[in-house]
N, C-alpha and C. Protein backbone atom coordinates (compact mmCIF):
# COMPACT_ATOMS: atom_id res chain seq x y z
N TYR A 1 4.29 -26.45 -7.76
CA TYR A 1 3.67 -25.40 -6.95
C TYR A 1 4.68 -24.90 -5.93
N ARG A 2 4.81 -23.59 -5.85
CA ARG A 2 5.71 -22.97 -4.87
C ARG A 2 4.89 -22.05 -3.97
N ARG A 3 4.98 -22.30 -2.68
CA ARG A 3 4.25 -21.46 -1.74
C ARG A 3 4.80 -20.03 -1.78
N PRO A 4 3.92 -19.06 -1.60
CA PRO A 4 4.41 -17.67 -1.55
C PRO A 4 5.24 -17.44 -0.30
N ILE A 5 6.18 -16.52 -0.39
CA ILE A 5 6.97 -16.13 0.77
C ILE A 5 6.27 -14.96 1.44
N VAL A 6 5.87 -15.15 2.69
CA VAL A 6 5.10 -14.17 3.44
C VAL A 6 5.92 -13.68 4.61
N SER A 7 5.88 -12.38 4.84
CA SER A 7 6.56 -11.79 6.00
C SER A 7 5.55 -11.02 6.83
N LEU A 8 5.69 -11.12 8.14
CA LEU A 8 4.88 -10.36 9.09
C LEU A 8 5.80 -9.36 9.77
N ILE A 9 5.44 -8.07 9.65
CA ILE A 9 6.29 -6.99 10.14
C ILE A 9 5.48 -6.13 11.10
N GLY A 10 5.99 -5.96 12.31
CA GLY A 10 5.30 -5.13 13.28
C GLY A 10 6.08 -5.03 14.57
N SER A 11 5.85 -3.95 15.31
CA SER A 11 6.49 -3.73 16.62
C SER A 11 8.01 -3.82 16.53
N GLY A 12 8.58 -3.39 15.39
CA GLY A 12 10.02 -3.37 15.24
C GLY A 12 10.65 -4.72 14.97
N ASP A 13 9.86 -5.73 14.67
CA ASP A 13 10.38 -7.07 14.41
C ASP A 13 9.77 -7.60 13.12
N GLU A 14 10.37 -8.65 12.58
CA GLU A 14 9.90 -9.23 11.32
C GLU A 14 10.19 -10.73 11.32
N VAL A 15 9.21 -11.52 10.90
CA VAL A 15 9.42 -12.95 10.69
C VAL A 15 9.03 -13.27 9.25
N THR A 16 9.76 -14.17 8.64
CA THR A 16 9.51 -14.57 7.26
C THR A 16 9.12 -16.03 7.23
N LEU A 17 7.99 -16.30 6.59
CA LEU A 17 7.50 -17.66 6.42
C LEU A 17 7.93 -18.09 5.03
N ASP A 18 9.06 -18.79 4.95
CA ASP A 18 9.67 -19.03 3.64
C ASP A 18 9.27 -20.35 3.01
N GLY A 19 8.54 -21.20 3.74
CA GLY A 19 8.11 -22.46 3.16
C GLY A 19 9.22 -23.46 2.95
N VAL A 20 10.37 -23.24 3.58
CA VAL A 20 11.51 -24.14 3.38
C VAL A 20 11.66 -25.10 4.54
N GLY A 21 11.24 -24.70 5.71
CA GLY A 21 11.37 -25.58 6.87
C GLY A 21 12.18 -25.00 7.98
N SER A 22 12.26 -23.65 8.05
CA SER A 22 13.01 -23.01 9.11
C SER A 22 12.12 -22.86 10.34
N GLU A 23 12.42 -21.88 11.15
CA GLU A 23 11.66 -21.70 12.39
C GLU A 23 10.18 -21.48 12.13
N PHE A 24 9.85 -20.59 11.19
CA PHE A 24 8.46 -20.31 10.83
C PHE A 24 8.25 -20.73 9.37
N THR A 25 7.24 -21.58 9.14
CA THR A 25 6.96 -22.07 7.79
C THR A 25 5.49 -21.83 7.48
N LEU A 26 5.21 -21.34 6.29
CA LEU A 26 3.84 -21.14 5.84
C LEU A 26 3.23 -22.48 5.44
N LYS A 27 2.09 -22.80 6.03
CA LYS A 27 1.39 -24.03 5.68
C LYS A 27 0.35 -23.74 4.60
N PRO A 28 -0.09 -24.74 3.86
CA PRO A 28 -1.17 -24.54 2.89
C PRO A 28 -2.46 -24.12 3.59
N GLY A 29 -3.25 -23.28 2.91
CA GLY A 29 -4.54 -22.88 3.46
C GLY A 29 -4.66 -21.40 3.76
N MET A 30 -3.69 -20.58 3.35
CA MET A 30 -3.80 -19.14 3.61
C MET A 30 -4.97 -18.56 2.82
N THR A 31 -5.74 -17.70 3.44
CA THR A 31 -6.92 -17.11 2.81
C THR A 31 -6.88 -15.59 2.95
N GLY A 32 -7.62 -14.92 2.05
CA GLY A 32 -7.80 -13.48 2.17
C GLY A 32 -6.87 -12.64 1.33
N THR A 33 -6.07 -13.24 0.45
CA THR A 33 -5.11 -12.46 -0.33
C THR A 33 -5.60 -12.22 -1.76
N GLY A 34 -6.82 -12.60 -2.07
CA GLY A 34 -7.37 -12.36 -3.39
C GLY A 34 -8.24 -11.11 -3.43
N LEU A 35 -9.34 -11.19 -4.16
CA LEU A 35 -10.25 -10.06 -4.25
C LEU A 35 -10.98 -9.85 -2.93
N ALA A 36 -11.05 -8.62 -2.48
CA ALA A 36 -11.67 -8.32 -1.19
C ALA A 36 -13.17 -8.57 -1.25
N PRO A 37 -13.80 -8.96 -0.14
CA PRO A 37 -15.26 -9.13 -0.13
C PRO A 37 -15.97 -7.80 -0.31
N ARG A 38 -17.21 -7.86 -0.79
CA ARG A 38 -17.97 -6.66 -1.07
C ARG A 38 -19.32 -6.68 -0.37
N GLU A 39 -19.77 -5.49 -0.03
CA GLU A 39 -21.10 -5.30 0.54
C GLU A 39 -22.01 -4.81 -0.58
N LEU A 40 -23.11 -5.52 -0.80
CA LEU A 40 -24.03 -5.20 -1.89
C LEU A 40 -25.42 -4.94 -1.34
N THR A 41 -26.10 -3.93 -1.90
CA THR A 41 -27.47 -3.62 -1.54
C THR A 41 -28.32 -3.58 -2.81
N PHE A 42 -29.41 -4.35 -2.80
CA PHE A 42 -30.30 -4.42 -3.96
C PHE A 42 -31.70 -3.93 -3.58
N SER A 43 -32.38 -3.38 -4.55
CA SER A 43 -33.79 -3.01 -4.40
C SER A 43 -34.62 -3.91 -5.31
N GLU A 44 -35.59 -4.59 -4.71
CA GLU A 44 -36.43 -5.49 -5.48
C GLU A 44 -37.39 -4.70 -6.37
N LEU A 45 -37.60 -5.17 -7.57
CA LEU A 45 -38.52 -4.55 -8.51
C LEU A 45 -39.87 -5.25 -8.48
N ALA A 46 -40.94 -4.48 -8.67
CA ALA A 46 -42.29 -5.06 -8.61
C ALA A 46 -42.49 -6.11 -9.70
N GLY A 47 -41.91 -5.90 -10.86
CA GLY A 47 -42.09 -6.85 -11.95
C GLY A 47 -41.11 -8.00 -11.92
N GLY A 48 -40.32 -8.11 -10.87
CA GLY A 48 -39.33 -9.16 -10.77
C GLY A 48 -37.92 -8.62 -10.97
N GLY A 49 -36.96 -9.33 -10.43
CA GLY A 49 -35.58 -8.88 -10.53
C GLY A 49 -35.25 -7.82 -9.48
N SER A 50 -34.13 -7.20 -9.64
CA SER A 50 -33.68 -6.19 -8.68
C SER A 50 -32.71 -5.24 -9.35
N VAL A 51 -32.44 -4.15 -8.64
CA VAL A 51 -31.51 -3.13 -9.09
C VAL A 51 -30.43 -2.94 -8.03
N LEU A 52 -29.17 -2.93 -8.47
CA LEU A 52 -28.06 -2.71 -7.55
C LEU A 52 -28.03 -1.24 -7.12
N ARG A 53 -28.15 -1.00 -5.82
CA ARG A 53 -28.17 0.36 -5.29
C ARG A 53 -26.85 0.78 -4.65
N HIS A 54 -26.11 -0.18 -4.15
CA HIS A 54 -24.92 0.17 -3.36
C HIS A 54 -23.92 -0.97 -3.47
N ARG A 55 -22.65 -0.58 -3.61
CA ARG A 55 -21.57 -1.58 -3.65
C ARG A 55 -20.29 -0.96 -3.12
N ARG A 56 -19.65 -1.64 -2.18
CA ARG A 56 -18.34 -1.17 -1.69
C ARG A 56 -17.60 -2.35 -1.09
N SER A 57 -16.30 -2.25 -1.07
CA SER A 57 -15.46 -3.30 -0.48
C SER A 57 -15.52 -3.20 1.04
N THR A 58 -15.57 -4.35 1.69
CA THR A 58 -15.60 -4.40 3.15
C THR A 58 -14.23 -4.85 3.67
N ASN A 59 -14.13 -4.96 4.99
CA ASN A 59 -12.85 -5.32 5.60
C ASN A 59 -12.34 -6.65 5.06
N ARG A 60 -11.06 -6.70 4.80
CA ARG A 60 -10.42 -7.92 4.34
C ARG A 60 -9.86 -8.68 5.54
N GLU A 61 -10.12 -9.96 5.62
CA GLU A 61 -9.56 -10.82 6.67
C GLU A 61 -8.54 -11.77 6.04
N ILE A 62 -7.34 -11.75 6.57
CA ILE A 62 -6.26 -12.61 6.07
C ILE A 62 -5.89 -13.59 7.16
N MET A 63 -6.02 -14.88 6.87
CA MET A 63 -5.64 -15.93 7.81
C MET A 63 -4.38 -16.61 7.30
N ILE A 64 -3.39 -16.72 8.17
CA ILE A 64 -2.08 -17.24 7.77
C ILE A 64 -1.74 -18.44 8.66
N PRO A 65 -1.83 -19.67 8.14
CA PRO A 65 -1.44 -20.84 8.93
C PRO A 65 0.08 -20.96 9.02
N VAL A 66 0.59 -21.08 10.23
CA VAL A 66 2.02 -21.09 10.47
C VAL A 66 2.42 -22.37 11.19
N ASP A 67 3.48 -22.98 10.70
CA ASP A 67 4.07 -24.15 11.36
C ASP A 67 5.37 -23.69 12.03
N VAL A 68 5.44 -23.87 13.35
CA VAL A 68 6.63 -23.50 14.11
C VAL A 68 7.37 -24.78 14.47
N PHE A 69 8.64 -24.84 14.11
CA PHE A 69 9.41 -26.07 14.30
C PHE A 69 10.83 -25.73 14.71
N HIS A 70 11.37 -26.48 15.69
CA HIS A 70 12.72 -26.21 16.19
C HIS A 70 13.60 -27.44 16.22
N GLY A 71 13.22 -28.48 15.52
CA GLY A 71 14.06 -29.66 15.51
C GLY A 71 13.85 -30.52 16.74
N HIS A 72 14.45 -31.67 16.73
CA HIS A 72 14.28 -32.65 17.82
C HIS A 72 15.40 -32.48 18.83
N THR A 73 15.24 -31.50 19.70
CA THR A 73 16.21 -31.25 20.76
C THR A 73 15.49 -31.23 22.09
N ASP A 74 16.27 -31.30 23.17
CA ASP A 74 15.68 -31.35 24.50
C ASP A 74 14.97 -30.06 24.87
N ASP A 75 15.40 -28.93 24.33
CA ASP A 75 14.79 -27.65 24.68
C ASP A 75 13.84 -27.16 23.59
N SER A 76 13.32 -28.06 22.78
CA SER A 76 12.45 -27.65 21.67
C SER A 76 11.19 -26.96 22.18
N TYR A 77 10.59 -27.47 23.25
CA TYR A 77 9.33 -26.87 23.73
C TYR A 77 9.56 -25.45 24.21
N GLU A 78 10.68 -25.20 24.90
CA GLU A 78 10.98 -23.84 25.34
C GLU A 78 11.18 -22.91 24.14
N LYS A 79 11.82 -23.41 23.08
CA LYS A 79 12.01 -22.60 21.88
C LYS A 79 10.68 -22.33 21.18
N LEU A 80 9.76 -23.32 21.21
CA LEU A 80 8.43 -23.09 20.64
C LEU A 80 7.72 -21.96 21.38
N GLU A 81 7.84 -21.93 22.69
CA GLU A 81 7.22 -20.87 23.48
C GLU A 81 7.83 -19.51 23.14
N ASP A 82 9.14 -19.47 22.97
CA ASP A 82 9.79 -18.21 22.60
C ASP A 82 9.30 -17.73 21.23
N SER A 83 9.13 -18.66 20.29
CA SER A 83 8.66 -18.27 18.96
C SER A 83 7.23 -17.76 19.01
N ARG A 84 6.41 -18.41 19.83
CA ARG A 84 5.01 -17.95 19.96
C ARG A 84 4.97 -16.56 20.56
N ARG A 85 5.77 -16.30 21.57
CA ARG A 85 5.80 -14.96 22.18
C ARG A 85 6.32 -13.92 21.18
N ARG A 86 7.22 -14.32 20.32
CA ARG A 86 7.71 -13.40 19.31
C ARG A 86 6.60 -13.01 18.34
N LEU A 87 5.79 -13.98 17.94
CA LEU A 87 4.64 -13.68 17.08
C LEU A 87 3.65 -12.79 17.80
N GLU A 88 3.40 -13.05 19.08
CA GLU A 88 2.48 -12.21 19.85
C GLU A 88 2.98 -10.77 19.91
N HIS A 89 4.29 -10.59 20.05
CA HIS A 89 4.85 -9.24 20.11
C HIS A 89 4.65 -8.52 18.78
N ILE A 90 4.86 -9.22 17.67
CA ILE A 90 4.68 -8.61 16.35
C ILE A 90 3.22 -8.21 16.15
N CYS A 91 2.29 -9.03 16.64
CA CYS A 91 0.87 -8.79 16.41
C CYS A 91 0.26 -7.82 17.40
N ASP A 92 1.06 -7.25 18.30
CA ASP A 92 0.55 -6.35 19.31
C ASP A 92 0.48 -4.91 18.80
N GLY A 93 -0.03 -4.74 17.61
CA GLY A 93 -0.14 -3.42 16.99
C GLY A 93 -0.38 -3.57 15.51
N PRO A 94 -0.26 -2.49 14.74
CA PRO A 94 -0.43 -2.60 13.28
C PRO A 94 0.60 -3.55 12.69
N VAL A 95 0.16 -4.39 11.76
CA VAL A 95 1.02 -5.41 11.16
C VAL A 95 1.01 -5.24 9.65
N GLU A 96 2.20 -5.24 9.06
CA GLU A 96 2.32 -5.28 7.61
C GLU A 96 2.44 -6.73 7.17
N ILE A 97 1.56 -7.15 6.27
CA ILE A 97 1.58 -8.51 5.73
C ILE A 97 2.14 -8.39 4.32
N ARG A 98 3.35 -8.85 4.13
CA ARG A 98 4.06 -8.66 2.86
C ARG A 98 4.17 -9.99 2.12
N LEU A 99 3.76 -9.97 0.87
CA LEU A 99 3.84 -11.14 0.00
C LEU A 99 4.83 -10.85 -1.12
N GLU A 100 5.81 -11.72 -1.26
CA GLU A 100 6.77 -11.55 -2.35
C GLU A 100 6.15 -11.99 -3.67
N THR A 101 6.39 -11.20 -4.72
CA THR A 101 5.88 -11.51 -6.05
C THR A 101 7.05 -11.47 -7.03
N LYS A 102 6.77 -11.82 -8.28
CA LYS A 102 7.84 -11.80 -9.28
C LYS A 102 8.30 -10.38 -9.58
N ASP A 103 7.44 -9.39 -9.30
CA ASP A 103 7.80 -7.99 -9.56
C ASP A 103 8.32 -7.29 -8.31
N GLY A 104 8.46 -8.00 -7.22
CA GLY A 104 8.91 -7.37 -5.98
C GLY A 104 8.10 -7.87 -4.80
N PHE A 105 7.16 -7.06 -4.33
CA PHE A 105 6.31 -7.46 -3.23
C PHE A 105 5.04 -6.63 -3.26
N ARG A 106 4.03 -7.10 -2.51
CA ARG A 106 2.82 -6.34 -2.27
C ARG A 106 2.44 -6.51 -0.81
N SER A 107 1.95 -5.44 -0.21
CA SER A 107 1.71 -5.44 1.23
C SER A 107 0.30 -4.97 1.55
N ALA A 108 -0.27 -5.59 2.57
CA ALA A 108 -1.52 -5.14 3.18
C ALA A 108 -1.23 -4.82 4.64
N PHE A 109 -2.03 -3.93 5.21
CA PHE A 109 -1.80 -3.48 6.59
C PHE A 109 -3.06 -3.76 7.40
N GLY A 110 -2.89 -4.48 8.51
CA GLY A 110 -4.06 -4.87 9.29
C GLY A 110 -3.77 -4.94 10.77
N GLN A 111 -4.82 -5.33 11.50
CA GLN A 111 -4.76 -5.51 12.95
C GLN A 111 -5.02 -6.98 13.27
N TYR A 112 -4.32 -7.48 14.27
CA TYR A 112 -4.51 -8.87 14.68
C TYR A 112 -5.92 -9.07 15.25
N LYS A 113 -6.57 -10.17 14.86
CA LYS A 113 -7.92 -10.48 15.35
C LYS A 113 -7.92 -11.68 16.29
N ASP A 114 -7.46 -12.82 15.83
CA ASP A 114 -7.44 -14.02 16.66
C ASP A 114 -6.45 -15.03 16.08
N GLY A 115 -6.33 -16.16 16.76
CA GLY A 115 -5.46 -17.24 16.31
C GLY A 115 -4.25 -17.50 17.18
N LEU A 116 -4.01 -16.61 18.16
CA LEU A 116 -2.87 -16.79 19.06
C LEU A 116 -3.33 -16.78 20.52
N GLU A 117 -4.53 -17.31 20.75
CA GLU A 117 -5.07 -17.25 22.11
C GLU A 117 -4.38 -18.20 23.08
N GLY A 118 -3.71 -19.22 22.55
CA GLY A 118 -2.99 -20.13 23.42
C GLY A 118 -3.73 -21.42 23.71
N ASP A 119 -4.48 -21.93 22.73
CA ASP A 119 -5.15 -23.22 22.88
C ASP A 119 -4.15 -24.32 22.54
N PHE A 120 -3.26 -24.60 23.51
CA PHE A 120 -2.14 -25.48 23.22
C PHE A 120 -2.55 -26.93 23.03
N ALA A 121 -3.72 -27.30 23.50
CA ALA A 121 -4.18 -28.67 23.27
C ALA A 121 -4.35 -28.94 21.78
N LYS A 122 -4.68 -27.88 21.01
CA LYS A 122 -4.82 -28.04 19.56
C LYS A 122 -3.58 -27.55 18.81
N ALA A 123 -2.91 -26.58 19.37
CA ALA A 123 -1.80 -25.97 18.65
C ALA A 123 -0.55 -26.84 18.65
N VAL A 124 -0.23 -27.45 19.79
CA VAL A 124 1.01 -28.20 19.91
C VAL A 124 0.79 -29.61 19.38
N VAL A 125 1.42 -29.92 18.24
CA VAL A 125 1.32 -31.27 17.67
C VAL A 125 2.12 -32.23 18.51
N ASN A 126 3.32 -31.87 18.85
CA ASN A 126 4.17 -32.61 19.79
C ASN A 126 5.12 -31.61 20.41
N ARG A 127 6.07 -32.08 21.15
CA ARG A 127 6.96 -31.14 21.84
C ARG A 127 7.91 -30.43 20.90
N TYR A 128 7.90 -30.80 19.62
CA TYR A 128 8.82 -30.20 18.66
C TYR A 128 8.13 -29.26 17.66
N ARG A 129 6.80 -29.29 17.58
CA ARG A 129 6.10 -28.55 16.52
C ARG A 129 4.83 -27.91 17.07
N MET A 130 4.51 -26.71 16.56
CA MET A 130 3.30 -25.99 16.98
C MET A 130 2.64 -25.40 15.73
N ASN A 131 1.32 -25.57 15.62
CA ASN A 131 0.56 -25.01 14.51
C ASN A 131 -0.25 -23.82 15.00
N LEU A 132 -0.07 -22.66 14.35
CA LEU A 132 -0.78 -21.45 14.70
C LEU A 132 -1.46 -20.89 13.45
N ALA A 133 -2.50 -20.11 13.64
CA ALA A 133 -3.23 -19.53 12.50
C ALA A 133 -3.72 -18.13 12.84
N PRO A 134 -2.82 -17.16 12.91
CA PRO A 134 -3.25 -15.79 13.21
C PRO A 134 -4.09 -15.21 12.07
N THR A 135 -5.12 -14.46 12.45
CA THR A 135 -6.00 -13.80 11.48
C THR A 135 -5.89 -12.29 11.68
N PHE A 136 -5.84 -11.58 10.57
CA PHE A 136 -5.69 -10.13 10.59
C PHE A 136 -6.85 -9.49 9.83
N VAL A 137 -7.33 -8.34 10.33
CA VAL A 137 -8.40 -7.59 9.68
C VAL A 137 -7.78 -6.33 9.08
N CYS A 138 -7.98 -6.15 7.77
CA CYS A 138 -7.44 -5.00 7.06
C CYS A 138 -8.59 -4.09 6.66
N GLN A 139 -8.64 -2.90 7.24
CA GLN A 139 -9.68 -1.94 6.88
C GLN A 139 -9.47 -1.40 5.47
N ASP A 140 -8.21 -1.19 5.10
CA ASP A 140 -7.89 -0.82 3.73
C ASP A 140 -7.71 -2.11 2.95
N THR A 141 -8.59 -2.36 2.00
CA THR A 141 -8.60 -3.65 1.32
C THR A 141 -7.56 -3.75 0.21
N LYS A 142 -6.81 -2.69 -0.06
CA LYS A 142 -5.85 -2.71 -1.16
C LYS A 142 -4.50 -3.28 -0.71
N PHE A 143 -3.80 -3.87 -1.67
CA PHE A 143 -2.41 -4.25 -1.49
C PHE A 143 -1.55 -3.18 -2.15
N TYR A 144 -0.44 -2.85 -1.51
CA TYR A 144 0.44 -1.81 -2.02
C TYR A 144 1.81 -2.41 -2.31
N GLY A 145 2.40 -2.00 -3.44
CA GLY A 145 3.72 -2.46 -3.82
C GLY A 145 4.75 -1.37 -3.69
N ARG A 146 5.92 -1.63 -4.22
CA ARG A 146 7.00 -0.65 -4.16
C ARG A 146 6.67 0.53 -5.05
N GLU A 147 7.01 1.74 -4.60
CA GLU A 147 6.74 2.93 -5.39
C GLU A 147 7.55 2.91 -6.68
N ARG A 148 6.91 3.32 -7.75
CA ARG A 148 7.57 3.36 -9.04
C ARG A 148 7.72 4.81 -9.50
N GLU A 149 8.89 5.12 -10.02
CA GLU A 149 9.16 6.47 -10.52
C GLU A 149 9.15 6.45 -12.04
N ILE A 150 8.45 7.39 -12.63
CA ILE A 150 8.42 7.55 -14.08
C ILE A 150 9.00 8.91 -14.42
N ILE A 151 10.10 8.91 -15.11
CA ILE A 151 10.77 10.15 -15.49
C ILE A 151 10.41 10.48 -16.92
N GLN A 152 9.88 11.66 -17.14
CA GLN A 152 9.52 12.11 -18.46
C GLN A 152 10.35 13.35 -18.81
N LYS A 153 10.93 13.34 -19.99
CA LYS A 153 11.72 14.48 -20.43
C LYS A 153 11.57 14.63 -21.95
N VAL A 154 11.89 15.83 -22.43
CA VAL A 154 11.78 16.12 -23.84
C VAL A 154 13.09 15.78 -24.53
N ASP A 155 13.01 14.94 -25.55
CA ASP A 155 14.21 14.60 -26.31
C ASP A 155 14.57 15.73 -27.27
N ALA A 156 15.80 15.64 -27.80
CA ALA A 156 16.25 16.69 -28.71
C ALA A 156 15.42 16.72 -29.99
N GLY A 157 14.89 15.58 -30.40
CA GLY A 157 14.13 15.54 -31.63
C GLY A 157 12.67 15.88 -31.49
N ARG A 158 12.22 16.14 -30.26
CA ARG A 158 10.83 16.47 -30.04
C ARG A 158 10.54 17.92 -30.42
N LYS A 159 9.30 18.21 -30.72
CA LYS A 159 8.90 19.58 -31.03
C LYS A 159 8.82 20.39 -29.74
N PRO A 160 9.40 21.57 -29.70
CA PRO A 160 9.31 22.40 -28.49
C PRO A 160 7.90 22.94 -28.31
N PHE A 161 7.58 23.26 -27.07
CA PHE A 161 6.26 23.79 -26.78
C PHE A 161 6.08 25.18 -27.38
N LEU A 162 7.09 26.03 -27.24
CA LEU A 162 7.08 27.38 -27.83
C LEU A 162 8.18 27.47 -28.87
N THR A 163 7.86 27.99 -30.02
CA THR A 163 8.80 28.06 -31.13
C THR A 163 8.92 29.49 -31.63
N ALA A 164 10.08 29.83 -32.13
CA ALA A 164 10.27 31.16 -32.70
C ALA A 164 9.30 31.36 -33.86
N PHE A 165 8.65 32.52 -33.85
CA PHE A 165 7.63 32.78 -34.86
C PHE A 165 8.27 32.85 -36.25
N GLY A 166 7.70 32.11 -37.21
CA GLY A 166 8.20 32.14 -38.57
C GLY A 166 9.43 31.30 -38.79
N SER A 167 9.84 30.51 -37.83
CA SER A 167 11.03 29.69 -38.01
C SER A 167 10.71 28.53 -38.94
N PRO A 168 11.49 28.37 -40.03
CA PRO A 168 11.21 27.26 -40.94
C PRO A 168 11.75 25.93 -40.46
N ALA A 169 12.56 25.94 -39.40
CA ALA A 169 13.21 24.71 -38.96
C ALA A 169 12.24 23.76 -38.27
N VAL A 170 11.35 24.31 -37.48
CA VAL A 170 10.44 23.47 -36.70
C VAL A 170 9.02 23.95 -36.89
N VAL A 171 8.10 23.05 -36.62
CA VAL A 171 6.68 23.39 -36.68
C VAL A 171 6.20 23.60 -35.26
N PRO A 172 5.54 24.68 -34.93
CA PRO A 172 5.08 24.91 -33.55
C PRO A 172 4.17 23.79 -33.07
N PHE A 173 4.41 23.38 -31.81
CA PHE A 173 3.55 22.36 -31.21
C PHE A 173 2.13 22.89 -31.07
N PHE A 174 2.00 24.15 -30.63
CA PHE A 174 0.72 24.84 -30.60
C PHE A 174 0.89 26.16 -31.37
N PRO A 175 -0.13 26.60 -32.07
CA PRO A 175 0.00 27.88 -32.79
C PRO A 175 -0.08 29.06 -31.84
N ILE A 176 0.97 29.24 -31.03
CA ILE A 176 1.01 30.33 -30.05
C ILE A 176 2.02 31.37 -30.52
N VAL A 177 1.62 32.62 -30.53
CA VAL A 177 2.51 33.71 -30.91
C VAL A 177 2.59 34.69 -29.75
N LEU A 178 3.79 34.97 -29.29
CA LEU A 178 4.00 35.93 -28.22
C LEU A 178 4.38 37.27 -28.85
N ALA A 179 3.55 38.30 -28.65
CA ALA A 179 3.80 39.62 -29.24
C ALA A 179 4.32 40.56 -28.17
N SER A 180 5.26 41.45 -28.58
CA SER A 180 5.78 42.46 -27.66
C SER A 180 4.78 43.60 -27.55
N SER A 181 4.82 44.32 -26.45
CA SER A 181 3.88 45.42 -26.23
C SER A 181 4.57 46.52 -25.45
N THR A 182 4.13 47.77 -25.65
CA THR A 182 4.66 48.91 -24.93
C THR A 182 3.50 49.70 -24.34
N VAL A 183 3.78 50.37 -23.24
CA VAL A 183 2.76 51.18 -22.56
C VAL A 183 3.32 52.59 -22.41
N ASP A 184 2.65 53.56 -23.00
CA ASP A 184 3.02 54.97 -22.85
C ASP A 184 1.97 55.65 -21.98
N GLY A 185 2.43 56.50 -21.09
CA GLY A 185 1.48 57.19 -20.25
C GLY A 185 2.14 58.26 -19.42
N ALA A 186 1.34 59.04 -18.72
CA ALA A 186 1.84 60.10 -17.86
C ALA A 186 1.02 60.10 -16.59
N TYR A 187 1.63 60.53 -15.50
CA TYR A 187 0.97 60.56 -14.21
C TYR A 187 0.86 62.02 -13.74
N GLN A 188 -0.31 62.42 -13.25
CA GLN A 188 -0.56 63.76 -12.73
C GLN A 188 -0.67 63.68 -11.22
N LEU A 189 0.16 64.43 -10.51
CA LEU A 189 0.18 64.40 -9.06
C LEU A 189 -0.24 65.77 -8.54
N ASP A 190 -1.33 65.84 -7.83
CA ASP A 190 -1.82 67.08 -7.26
C ASP A 190 -1.51 67.09 -5.77
N ILE A 191 -0.82 68.18 -5.32
CA ILE A 191 -0.47 68.32 -3.91
C ILE A 191 -1.14 69.59 -3.41
N LYS A 192 -1.94 69.48 -2.41
CA LYS A 192 -2.64 70.63 -1.85
C LYS A 192 -2.01 71.00 -0.51
N GLY A 193 -1.67 72.27 -0.34
CA GLY A 193 -1.08 72.72 0.91
C GLY A 193 -0.61 74.15 0.80
N ASP A 194 -0.15 74.73 1.93
CA ASP A 194 0.32 76.10 1.95
C ASP A 194 1.78 76.22 1.56
N SER A 195 2.57 75.11 1.65
CA SER A 195 4.00 75.17 1.36
C SER A 195 4.26 74.76 -0.09
N GLU A 196 5.37 75.28 -0.60
CA GLU A 196 5.72 74.91 -1.95
C GLU A 196 6.26 73.47 -1.98
N ALA A 197 5.95 72.78 -3.04
CA ALA A 197 6.43 71.40 -3.19
C ALA A 197 6.90 71.22 -4.62
N TRP A 198 8.02 70.53 -4.75
CA TRP A 198 8.59 70.31 -6.07
C TRP A 198 8.54 68.80 -6.39
N PRO A 199 8.28 68.47 -7.60
CA PRO A 199 8.19 67.03 -7.94
C PRO A 199 9.55 66.35 -7.74
N ILE A 200 9.50 65.12 -7.34
CA ILE A 200 10.73 64.33 -7.09
C ILE A 200 11.00 63.44 -8.28
């Protein structure tokens, strides 16, 4: 089992929870990255059972357990505080939650809800490690990946859309015939007045 690599991006900063044991590590227990919850409305039937009247996806909540660790040094607690403030800065606005996948990545966008209130009696395991669990609410329940470009072009061996009429070389893609046309006509210009006028 390999933990997913999760990145939190916001307020011009980014932290990566790589699951390797660096400053920020993703702990087991992350929730909210699967199918979004749904709101359902049913109407009861007189003869028993019910009929589904309404269905839509509701806000997605993503909880990310984070282990903050700085090694066994004399200033570890001060570094833990700096890391916590860094997370608070990232969460002080819209946050992109990016999950790396085998095809690239997928991202959800949400707002911080709770998990960084500062309950240090529970968060600080010892002076070297801190456990945090920020929760984010995503109004848009979809995950978005990298944009993909699809280029479509006509190969030389393909049938053209318009073909010369009667050409034995190719078969028209559509039986469309463009015919030439001419318009013959004359214009009569009547000028009323006391002065002579000559046509221009």
